[in-house]
């Protein structure tokens, strides 16, 4: 792997790293451009362990020794090294974690393949905050979800902030995008899943009651930060489930709610 010191930002190979703080631009560029960015040595390691290949690496000189394993495994991939000031000028932020890798984005699997052997899945509907997406994936990984399905307007799990917040678990939990509910609900039902919408309502049942008679296969559906689940999602659901709350609080952050719901489901299965 050629190690290339850079003292100028004119190199075309650096385009993958330019202006990373523009979320709207990255959301458009990354899926269409076939790449995503892995931030920090640990996340890069998890990405490679998941079978993903780097296109290039950008790092501070002091982190080069920590990535010797990457140098040995991918001798054809360029490693760009620069001082902190130039890296911040290029990326738009201070690289406290030392390394970035532009990774080739893998093809998403067919949802039917993910559901075939799954028992617990999480469906993220239109969650637009990358931090919440990453945190929900971390809950899914830590609390035993078999897969995560995301709707067409949900934020990209491979956006660098999602990857970072998830501690790289978006690279470990199987996931894919699904279509609108007119397609997604039959897909889940055909695979034998009960669709459980996490939502308040007159007909909602408390989470402990739901888990006492837990279906063999369950899809936990979580909605967007502001409005919650859409009417289409609620209409598609077989049951509405709510987390019992105290002191007049009616709901949790979507990431926290995913953790509570998945813990209850996992406990019921054991």
C-alpha atoms as a PDB file:
ATOM      1  CA  UNK A   1       0.000   0.000   0.000  1.00  0.00           C
ATOM      2  CA  UNK A   2       1.607   3.287  -1.039  1.00  0.00           C
ATOM      3  CA  UNK A   3       1.832   5.792   1.823  1.00  0.00           C
ATOM      4  CA  UNK A   4       1.422   9.217   0.242  1.00  0.00           C
ATOM      5  CA  UNK A   5       2.217  12.366   2.250  1.00  0.00           C
ATOM      6  CA  UNK A   6       0.013  15.237   1.066  1.00  0.00           C
ATOM      7  CA  UNK A   7       0.735  18.937   1.315  1.00  0.00           C
ATOM      8  CA  UNK A   8      -1.908  20.082  -1.173  1.00  0.00           C
ATOM      9  CA  UNK A   9      -5.646  19.449  -1.446  1.00  0.00           C
ATOM     10  CA  UNK A  10      -5.659  19.452  -5.252  1.00  0.00           C
ATOM     11  CA  UNK A  11      -5.367  15.682  -5.688  1.00  0.00           C
ATOM     12  CA  UNK A  12      -8.554  14.256  -7.273  1.00  0.00           C
ATOM     13  CA  UNK A  13      -8.282  11.140  -5.077  1.00  0.00           C
ATOM     14  CA  UNK A  14      -9.116  13.307  -2.056  1.00  0.00           C
ATOM     15  CA  UNK A  15     -12.614  14.142  -3.338  1.00  0.00           C
ATOM     16  CA  UNK A  16     -14.101  11.355  -1.178  1.00  0.00           C
ATOM     17  CA  UNK A  17     -13.084  13.265   1.948  1.00  0.00           C
ATOM     18  CA  UNK A  18     -13.886  16.841   0.998  1.00  0.00           C
ATOM     19  CA  UNK A  19     -16.487  18.806   2.995  1.00  0.00           C
ATOM     20  CA  UNK A  20     -17.806  15.975   5.112  1.00  0.00           C
ATOM     21  CA  UNK A  21     -19.910  18.228   7.327  1.00  0.00           C
ATOM     22  CA  UNK A  22     -22.423  18.858   4.529  1.00  0.00           C
ATOM     23  CA  UNK A  23     -24.924  16.162   5.496  1.00  0.00           C
ATOM     24  CA  UNK A  24     -27.253  16.740   2.564  1.00  0.00           C
ATOM     25  CA  UNK A  25     -24.403  16.403   0.088  1.00  0.00           C
ATOM     26  CA  UNK A  26     -23.061  13.227   1.679  1.00  0.00           C
ATOM     27  CA  UNK A  27     -26.532  11.665   1.818  1.00  0.00           C
ATOM     28  CA  UNK A  28     -26.826  12.125  -1.931  1.00  0.00           C
ATOM     29  CA  UNK A  29     -23.239  11.268  -2.815  1.00  0.00           C
ATOM     30  CA  UNK A  30     -22.497   8.218  -0.728  1.00  0.00           C
ATOM     31  CA  UNK A  31     -25.181   5.721  -1.831  1.00  0.00           C
ATOM     32  CA  UNK A  32     -25.083   6.867  -5.478  1.00  0.00           C
ATOM     33  CA  UNK A  33     -21.302   7.032  -5.539  1.00  0.00           C
ATOM     34  CA  UNK A  34     -20.933   3.543  -4.154  1.00  0.00           C
ATOM     35  CA  UNK A  35     -18.951   4.503  -1.078  1.00  0.00           C
ATOM     36  CA  UNK A  36     -19.257   5.167   2.606  1.00  0.00           C
ATOM     37  CA  UNK A  37     -16.769   6.484   5.139  1.00  0.00           C
ATOM     38  CA  UNK A  38     -15.470   4.464   8.085  1.00  0.00           C
ATOM     39  CA  UNK A  39     -14.125   6.666  10.879  1.00  0.00           C
ATOM     40  CA  UNK A  40     -11.527   5.404  13.403  1.00  0.00           C
ATOM     41  CA  UNK A  41      -9.311   2.354  13.378  1.00  0.00           C
ATOM     42  CA  UNK A  42     -11.883   0.239  15.235  1.00  0.00           C
ATOM     43  CA  UNK A  43     -14.658   0.983  12.749  1.00  0.00           C
ATOM     44  CA  UNK A  44     -12.335   0.374   9.796  1.00  0.00           C
ATOM     45  CA  UNK A  45     -11.409  -2.985  11.334  1.00  0.00           C
ATOM     46  CA  UNK A  46     -15.066  -3.933  11.718  1.00  0.00           C
ATOM     47  CA  UNK A  47     -15.790  -2.863   8.151  1.00  0.00           C
ATOM     48  CA  UNK A  48     -13.023  -5.091   6.804  1.00  0.00           C
ATOM     49  CA  UNK A  49     -14.180  -7.943   9.054  1.00  0.00           C
ATOM     50  CA  UNK A  50     -17.626  -7.581   7.462  1.00  0.00           C
ATOM     51  CA  UNK A  51     -16.046  -8.154   4.060  1.00  0.00           C
ATOM     52  CA  UNK A  52     -15.935  -4.533   2.894  1.00  0.00           C
ATOM     53  CA  UNK A  53     -12.972  -3.240   0.881  1.00  0.00           C
ATOM     54  CA  UNK A  54     -11.289   0.160   1.262  1.00  0.00           C
ATOM     55  CA  UNK A  55     -10.825   2.478  -1.701  1.00  0.00           C
ATOM     56  CA  UNK A  56      -8.371   4.744   0.112  1.00  0.00           C
ATOM     57  CA  UNK A  57      -7.380   5.780   3.630  1.00  0.00           C
ATOM     58  CA  UNK A  58      -6.772   9.228   5.110  1.00  0.00           C
ATOM     59  CA  UNK A  59      -4.995   9.590   8.421  1.00  0.00           C
ATOM     60  CA  UNK A  60      -2.678  11.416  10.738  1.00  0.00           C
ATOM     61  CA  UNK A  61       0.943  10.259  10.688  1.00  0.00           C
ATOM     62  CA  UNK A  62       0.829   9.137  14.317  1.00  0.00           C
ATOM     63  CA  UNK A  63      -1.914   6.593  13.505  1.00  0.00           C
ATOM     64  CA  UNK A  64      -0.026   4.882  10.701  1.00  0.00           C
ATOM     65  CA  UNK A  65       1.465   2.203  12.946  1.00  0.00           C
ATOM     66  CA  UNK A  66      -1.999   1.231  14.217  1.00  0.00           C
ATOM     67  CA  UNK A  67      -3.090   0.424  10.673  1.00  0.00           C
ATOM     68  CA  UNK A  68      -0.160  -1.770   9.707  1.00  0.00           C
ATOM     69  CA  UNK A  69      -2.540  -4.730   9.388  1.00  0.00           C
ATOM     70  CA  UNK A  70      -4.463  -2.796   6.724  1.00  0.00           C
ATOM     71  CA  UNK A  71      -1.256  -1.995   4.889  1.00  0.00           C
ATOM     72  CA  UNK A  72      -0.410  -5.685   4.746  1.00  0.00           C
ATOM     73  CA  UNK A  73      -3.871  -6.832   3.708  1.00  0.00           C
ATOM     74  CA  UNK A  74      -4.535  -4.242   0.982  1.00  0.00           C
ATOM     75  CA  UNK A  75      -1.173  -3.327  -0.574  1.00  0.00           C
ATOM     76  CA  UNK A  76      -2.868  -1.718  -3.589  1.00  0.00           C
ATOM     77  CA  UNK A  77      -4.904   0.851  -1.635  1.00  0.00           C
ATOM     78  CA  UNK A  78      -3.383   4.342  -1.209  1.00  0.00           C
ATOM     79  CA  UNK A  79      -2.931   5.785   2.267  1.00  0.00           C
ATOM     80  CA  UNK A  80      -2.885   9.578   2.408  1.00  0.00           C
ATOM     81  CA  UNK A  81      -1.067  11.115   5.377  1.00  0.00           C
ATOM     82  CA  UNK A  82      -1.238  14.781   6.368  1.00  0.00           C
ATOM     83  CA  UNK A  83      -0.933  17.083   9.359  1.00  0.00           C
ATOM     84  CA  UNK A  84      -3.949  17.965  11.498  1.00  0.00           C
ATOM     85  CA  UNK A  85      -4.496  21.423  10.037  1.00  0.00           C
ATOM     86  CA  UNK A  86      -4.601  20.177   6.451  1.00  0.00           C
ATOM     87  CA  UNK A  87      -6.906  17.286   7.356  1.00  0.00           C
ATOM     88  CA  UNK A  88      -9.329  19.654   9.049  1.00  0.00           C
ATOM     89  CA  UNK A  89      -9.235  21.969   6.040  1.00  0.00           C
ATOM     90  CA  UNK A  90     -10.031  19.036   3.772  1.00  0.00           C
ATOM     91  CA  UNK A  91     -12.770  17.316   5.771  1.00  0.00           C
ATOM     92  CA  UNK A  92     -14.288  20.276   7.569  1.00  0.00           C
ATOM     93  CA  UNK A  93     -13.815  18.826  11.059  1.00  0.00           C
ATOM     94  CA  UNK A  94     -11.046  17.909  13.490  1.00  0.00           C
ATOM     95  CA  UNK A  95     -10.130  14.251  13.025  1.00  0.00           C
ATOM     96  CA  UNK A  96      -9.929  13.264  16.694  1.00  0.00           C
ATOM     97  CA  UNK A  97     -10.231   9.566  15.816  1.00  0.00           C
ATOM     98  CA  UNK A  98      -7.192   9.722  13.595  1.00  0.00           C
ATOM     99  CA  UNK A  99      -8.272   7.828  10.488  1.00  0.00           C
ATOM    100  CA  UNK A 100     -10.908   7.762   7.766  1.00  0.00           C
ATOM    101  CA  UNK A 101     -11.339   5.139   5.075  1.00  0.00           C
ATOM    102  CA  UNK A 102     -13.421   5.464   1.931  1.00  0.00           C
ATOM    103  CA  UNK A 103     -15.017   2.031   1.696  1.00  0.00           C
ATOM    104  CA  UNK A 104     -16.718   0.397  -1.264  1.00  0.00           C
ATOM    105  CA  UNK A 105     -20.407   0.178  -0.365  1.00  0.00           C
ATOM    106  CA  UNK A 106     -21.707  -3.413  -0.451  1.00  0.00           C
ATOM    107  CA  UNK A 107     -24.886  -4.327  -2.292  1.00  0.00           C
ATOM    108  CA  UNK A 108     -27.907  -4.516   0.001  1.00  0.00           C
ATOM    109  CA  UNK A 109     -29.358  -7.999   0.460  1.00  0.00           C
ATOM    110  CA  UNK A 110     -32.846  -9.030  -0.557  1.00  0.00           C
ATOM    111  CA  UNK A 111     -35.200  -8.502   2.430  1.00  0.00           C
ATOM    112  CA  UNK A 112     -36.606 -12.009   1.956  1.00  0.00           C
ATOM    113  CA  UNK A 113     -33.163 -13.470   2.519  1.00  0.00           C
ATOM    114  CA  UNK A 114     -32.735 -11.535   5.786  1.00  0.00           C
ATOM    115  CA  UNK A 115     -36.151 -12.582   7.067  1.00  0.00           C
ATOM    116  CA  UNK A 116     -35.785 -16.259   6.261  1.00  0.00           C
ATOM    117  CA  UNK A 117     -34.002 -17.261   9.483  1.00  0.00           C
ATOM    118  CA  UNK A 118     -34.791 -14.177  11.595  1.00  0.00           C
ATOM    119  CA  UNK A 119     -36.988 -14.173  14.672  1.00  0.00           C
ATOM    120  CA  UNK A 120     -36.715 -10.565  15.830  1.00  0.00           C
ATOM    121  CA  UNK A 121     -36.306  -7.650  13.436  1.00  0.00           C
ATOM    122  CA  UNK A 122     -36.406  -3.890  13.849  1.00  0.00           C
ATOM    123  CA  UNK A 123     -38.073  -1.641  11.297  1.00  0.00           C
ATOM    124  CA  UNK A 124     -36.966   2.007  11.289  1.00  0.00           C
ATOM    125  CA  UNK A 125     -39.556   4.167   9.571  1.00  0.00           C
ATOM    126  CA  UNK A 126     -38.348   7.508   8.203  1.00  0.00           C
ATOM    127  CA  UNK A 127     -35.882   8.211  11.030  1.00  0.00           C
ATOM    128  CA  UNK A 128     -33.890  11.102   9.631  1.00  0.00           C
ATOM    129  CA  UNK A 129     -31.404  11.735  12.428  1.00  0.00           C
ATOM    130  CA  UNK A 130     -28.188   9.805  11.769  1.00  0.00           C
ATOM    131  CA  UNK A 131     -27.383   9.697  15.480  1.00  0.00           C
ATOM    132  CA  UNK A 132     -30.673   7.964  16.278  1.00  0.00           C
ATOM    133  CA  UNK A 133     -30.176   5.493  13.433  1.00  0.00           C
ATOM    134  CA  UNK A 134     -26.725   4.596  14.748  1.00  0.00           C
ATOM    135  CA  UNK A 135     -27.972   4.258  18.322  1.00  0.00           C
ATOM    136  CA  UNK A 136     -30.858   2.028  17.230  1.00  0.00           C
ATOM    137  CA  UNK A 137     -28.408  -0.243  15.409  1.00  0.00           C
ATOM    138  CA  UNK A 138     -26.288  -0.448  18.548  1.00  0.00           C
ATOM    139  CA  UNK A 139     -29.369  -1.553  20.492  1.00  0.00           C
ATOM    140  CA  UNK A 140     -30.185  -4.087  17.786  1.00  0.00           C
ATOM    141  CA  UNK A 141     -26.683  -5.542  17.938  1.00  0.00           C
ATOM    142  CA  UNK A 142     -26.392  -5.593  21.707  1.00  0.00           C
ATOM    143  CA  UNK A 143     -29.873  -6.900  22.444  1.00  0.00           C
ATOM    144  CA  UNK A 144     -30.174  -9.615  19.864  1.00  0.00           C
ATOM    145  CA  UNK A 145     -32.154  -8.362  16.864  1.00  0.00           C
ATOM    146  CA  UNK A 146     -31.486 -10.546  13.854  1.00  0.00           C
ATOM    147  CA  UNK A 147     -31.856  -7.789  11.267  1.00  0.00           C
ATOM    148  CA  UNK A 148     -32.830  -4.161  10.739  1.00  0.00           C
ATOM    149  CA  UNK A 149     -35.103  -3.016   7.926  1.00  0.00           C
ATOM    150  CA  UNK A 150     -35.247   0.648   6.969  1.00  0.00           C
ATOM    151  CA  UNK A 151     -37.846   2.491   4.920  1.00  0.00           C
ATOM    152  CA  UNK A 152     -37.108   4.517   1.779  1.00  0.00           C
ATOM    153  CA  UNK A 153     -36.864   7.863   3.600  1.00  0.00           C
ATOM    154  CA  UNK A 154     -34.832   6.633   6.568  1.00  0.00           C
ATOM    155  CA  UNK A 155     -31.345   8.106   6.994  1.00  0.00           C
ATOM    156  CA  UNK A 156     -28.383   6.173   5.670  1.00  0.00           C
ATOM    157  CA  UNK A 157     -26.956   3.769   8.307  1.00  0.00           C
ATOM    158  CA  UNK A 158     -23.556   3.996   6.600  1.00  0.00           C
ATOM    159  CA  UNK A 159     -23.303   7.767   6.923  1.00  0.00           C
ATOM    160  CA  UNK A 160     -20.210   8.338   9.035  1.00  0.00           C
ATOM    161  CA  UNK A 161     -22.109   9.741  12.035  1.00  0.00           C
ATOM    162  CA  UNK A 162     -24.418   6.719  12.108  1.00  0.00           C
ATOM    163  CA  UNK A 163     -21.446   4.366  11.911  1.00  0.00           C
ATOM    164  CA  UNK A 164     -19.609   6.235  14.657  1.00  0.00           C
ATOM    165  CA  UNK A 165     -22.553   6.395  17.072  1.00  0.00           C
ATOM    166  CA  UNK A 166     -23.286   2.725  16.490  1.00  0.00           C
ATOM    167  CA  UNK A 167     -19.660   1.884  17.404  1.00  0.00           C
ATOM    168  CA  UNK A 168     -19.439   0.103  14.072  1.00  0.00           C
ATOM    169  CA  UNK A 169     -22.385  -2.214  14.732  1.00  0.00           C
ATOM    170  CA  UNK A 170     -24.117  -1.074  11.527  1.00  0.00           C
ATOM    171  CA  UNK A 171     -21.386  -3.199   9.947  1.00  0.00           C
ATOM    172  CA  UNK A 172     -22.353  -6.247  12.019  1.00  0.00           C
ATOM    173  CA  UNK A 173     -26.157  -6.324  12.041  1.00  0.00           C
ATOM    174  CA  UNK A 174     -27.684  -7.490   8.752  1.00  0.00           C
ATOM    175  CA  UNK A 175     -29.842  -4.735   7.253  1.00  0.00           C
ATOM    176  CA  UNK A 176     -31.479  -3.609   4.064  1.00  0.00           C
ATOM    177  CA  UNK A 177     -34.021  -1.148   2.711  1.00  0.00           C
ATOM    178  CA  UNK A 178     -37.632  -2.111   2.175  1.00  0.00           C
ATOM    179  CA  UNK A 179     -40.351  -0.521   0.081  1.00  0.00           C
ATOM    180  CA  UNK A 180     -43.462   1.340   1.172  1.00  0.00           C
ATOM    181  CA  UNK A 181     -45.863  -0.335   3.575  1.00  0.00           C
ATOM    182  CA  UNK A 182     -48.017  -1.645   0.739  1.00  0.00           C
ATOM    183  CA  UNK A 183     -45.029  -3.871  -0.081  1.00  0.00           C
ATOM    184  CA  UNK A 184     -43.395  -4.161   3.345  1.00  0.00           C
ATOM    185  CA  UNK A 185     -46.412  -5.430   5.292  1.00  0.00           C
ATOM    186  CA  UNK A 186     -47.086  -8.401   2.964  1.00  0.00           C
ATOM    187  CA  UNK A 187     -43.354  -9.146   2.951  1.00  0.00           C
ATOM    188  CA  UNK A 188     -43.287  -9.397   6.758  1.00  0.00           C
ATOM    189  CA  UNK A 189     -46.575 -11.280   7.003  1.00  0.00           C
ATOM    190  CA  UNK A 190     -45.545 -13.796   4.337  1.00  0.00           C
ATOM    191  CA  UNK A 191     -42.426 -14.506   6.406  1.00  0.00           C
ATOM    192  CA  UNK A 192     -44.592 -15.149   9.482  1.00  0.00           C
ATOM    193  CA  UNK A 193     -43.891 -11.921  11.387  1.00  0.00           C
ATOM    194  CA  UNK A 194     -46.256 -10.137  13.724  1.00  0.00           C
ATOM    195  CA  UNK A 195     -45.872  -6.402  13.099  1.00  0.00           C
ATOM    196  CA  UNK A 196     -45.714  -4.607  16.448  1.00  0.00           C
ATOM    197  CA  UNK A 197     -45.877  -0.819  16.185  1.00  0.00           C
ATOM    198  CA  UNK A 198     -44.312   0.983  19.126  1.00  0.00           C
ATOM    199  CA  UNK A 199     -46.923   3.720  19.484  1.00  0.00           C
ATOM    200  CA  UNK A 200     -49.349   5.302  21.907  1.00  0.00           C
ATOM    201  CA  UNK A 201     -53.065   4.830  21.335  1.00  0.00           C
ATOM    202  CA  UNK A 202     -56.318   3.806  22.952  1.00  0.00           C
ATOM    203  CA  UNK A 203     -55.798   0.272  21.699  1.00  0.00           C
ATOM    204  CA  UNK A 204     -52.098   0.021  22.642  1.00  0.00           C
ATOM    205  CA  UNK A 205     -51.084  -2.727  25.043  1.00  0.00           C
ATOM    206  CA  UNK A 206     -48.255  -2.376  27.596  1.00  0.00           C
ATOM    207  CA  UNK A 207     -44.937  -3.875  26.575  1.00  0.00           C
ATOM    208  CA  UNK A 208     -44.885  -6.396  29.482  1.00  0.00           C
ATOM    209  CA  UNK A 209     -48.307  -7.685  28.431  1.00  0.00           C
ATOM    210  CA  UNK A 210     -47.145  -8.066  24.834  1.00  0.00           C
ATOM    211  CA  UNK A 211     -44.016  -9.998  25.778  1.00  0.00           C
ATOM    212  CA  UNK A 212     -45.922 -12.400  28.050  1.00  0.00           C
ATOM    213  CA  UNK A 213     -47.488 -13.884  24.910  1.00  0.00           C
ATOM    214  CA  UNK A 214     -44.665 -13.050  22.538  1.00  0.00           C
ATOM    215  CA  UNK A 215     -45.166 -14.169  18.932  1.00  0.00           C
ATOM    216  CA  UNK A 216     -42.568 -16.520  17.514  1.00  0.00           C
ATOM    217  CA  UNK A 217     -41.520 -13.892  14.983  1.00  0.00           C
ATOM    218  CA  UNK A 218     -41.881 -10.192  15.717  1.00  0.00           C
ATOM    219  CA  UNK A 219     -41.063  -7.009  13.799  1.00  0.00           C
ATOM    220  CA  UNK A 220     -40.731  -4.000  16.111  1.00  0.00           C
ATOM    221  CA  UNK A 221     -41.562  -0.821  14.205  1.00  0.00           C
ATOM    222  CA  UNK A 222     -40.146   2.506  15.379  1.00  0.00           C
ATOM    223  CA  UNK A 223     -41.160   5.874  13.960  1.00  0.00           C
ATOM    224  CA  UNK A 224     -39.603   9.183  13.169  1.00  0.00           C
ATOM    225  CA  UNK A 225     -38.447  11.538  15.904  1.00  0.00           C
ATOM    226  CA  UNK A 226     -41.144  14.191  15.628  1.00  0.00           C
ATOM    227  CA  UNK A 227     -44.385  12.632  14.426  1.00  0.00           C
ATOM    228  CA  UNK A 228     -43.883   9.015  15.349  1.00  0.00           C
ATOM    229  CA  UNK A 229     -45.215   6.295  13.085  1.00  0.00           C
ATOM    230  CA  UNK A 230     -47.136   7.158   9.955  1.00  0.00           C
ATOM    231  CA  UNK A 231     -50.782   6.253   9.482  1.00  0.00           C
ATOM    232  CA  UNK A 232     -49.692   3.707   6.888  1.00  0.00           C
ATOM    233  CA  UNK A 233     -47.419   2.005   9.413  1.00  0.00           C
ATOM    234  CA  UNK A 234     -50.119   1.952  12.060  1.00  0.00           C
ATOM    235  CA  UNK A 235     -52.606   0.531   9.581  1.00  0.00           C
ATOM    236  CA  UNK A 236     -50.141  -2.202   8.639  1.00  0.00           C
ATOM    237  CA  UNK A 237     -49.449  -3.169  12.254  1.00  0.00           C
ATOM    238  CA  UNK A 238     -51.021  -6.209  13.869  1.00  0.00           C
ATOM    239  CA  UNK A 239     -50.677  -4.704  17.336  1.00  0.00           C
ATOM    240  CA  UNK A 240     -49.728  -1.408  18.957  1.00  0.00           C
ATOM    241  CA  UNK A 241     -47.382  -1.628  21.927  1.00  0.00           C
ATOM    242  CA  UNK A 242     -46.473   1.075  24.408  1.00  0.00           C
ATOM    243  CA  UNK A 243     -43.755   1.364  27.040  1.00  0.00           C
ATOM    244  CA  UNK A 244     -45.346   2.132  30.435  1.00  0.00           C
ATOM    245  CA  UNK A 245     -44.119   5.540  31.638  1.00  0.00           C
ATOM    246  CA  UNK A 246     -44.252   7.533  34.886  1.00  0.00           C
ATOM    247  CA  UNK A 247     -44.467  11.197  35.948  1.00  0.00           C
ATOM    248  CA  UNK A 248     -46.459  12.326  32.934  1.00  0.00           C
ATOM    249  CA  UNK A 249     -43.775  11.377  30.422  1.00  0.00           C
ATOM    250  CA  UNK A 250     -45.457   9.824  27.395  1.00  0.00           C
ATOM    251  CA  UNK A 251     -42.537   8.632  25.303  1.00  0.00           C
ATOM    252  CA  UNK A 252     -38.803   8.024  25.013  1.00  0.00           C
ATOM    253  CA  UNK A 253     -36.266   8.999  22.404  1.00  0.00           C
ATOM    254  CA  UNK A 254     -36.537   6.503  19.541  1.00  0.00           C
ATOM    255  CA  UNK A 255     -33.096   5.058  20.260  1.00  0.00           C
ATOM    256  CA  UNK A 256     -33.922   4.555  23.943  1.00  0.00           C
ATOM    257  CA  UNK A 257     -37.277   3.051  23.035  1.00  0.00           C
ATOM    258  CA  UNK A 258     -35.581   0.537  20.751  1.00  0.00           C
ATOM    259  CA  UNK A 259     -33.330  -0.572  23.604  1.00  0.00           C
ATOM    260  CA  UNK A 260     -36.214  -0.988  26.060  1.00  0.00           C
ATOM    261  CA  UNK A 261     -38.367  -2.904  23.592  1.00  0.00           C
ATOM    262  CA  UNK A 262     -35.564  -5.195  22.443  1.00  0.00           C
ATOM    263  CA  UNK A 263     -34.497  -5.927  26.013  1.00  0.00           C
ATOM    264  CA  UNK A 264     -38.034  -6.926  26.913  1.00  0.00           C
ATOM    265  CA  UNK A 265     -38.325  -9.160  23.846  1.00  0.00           C
ATOM    266  CA  UNK A 266     -34.952 -10.786  24.506  1.00  0.00           C
ATOM    267  CA  UNK A 267     -35.822 -11.408  28.161  1.00  0.00           C
ATOM    268  CA  UNK A 268     -39.138 -13.005  27.185  1.00  0.00           C
ATOM    269  CA  UNK A 269     -37.360 -15.391  24.820  1.00  0.00           C
ATOM    270  CA  UNK A 270     -35.055 -16.588  27.583  1.00  0.00           C
END
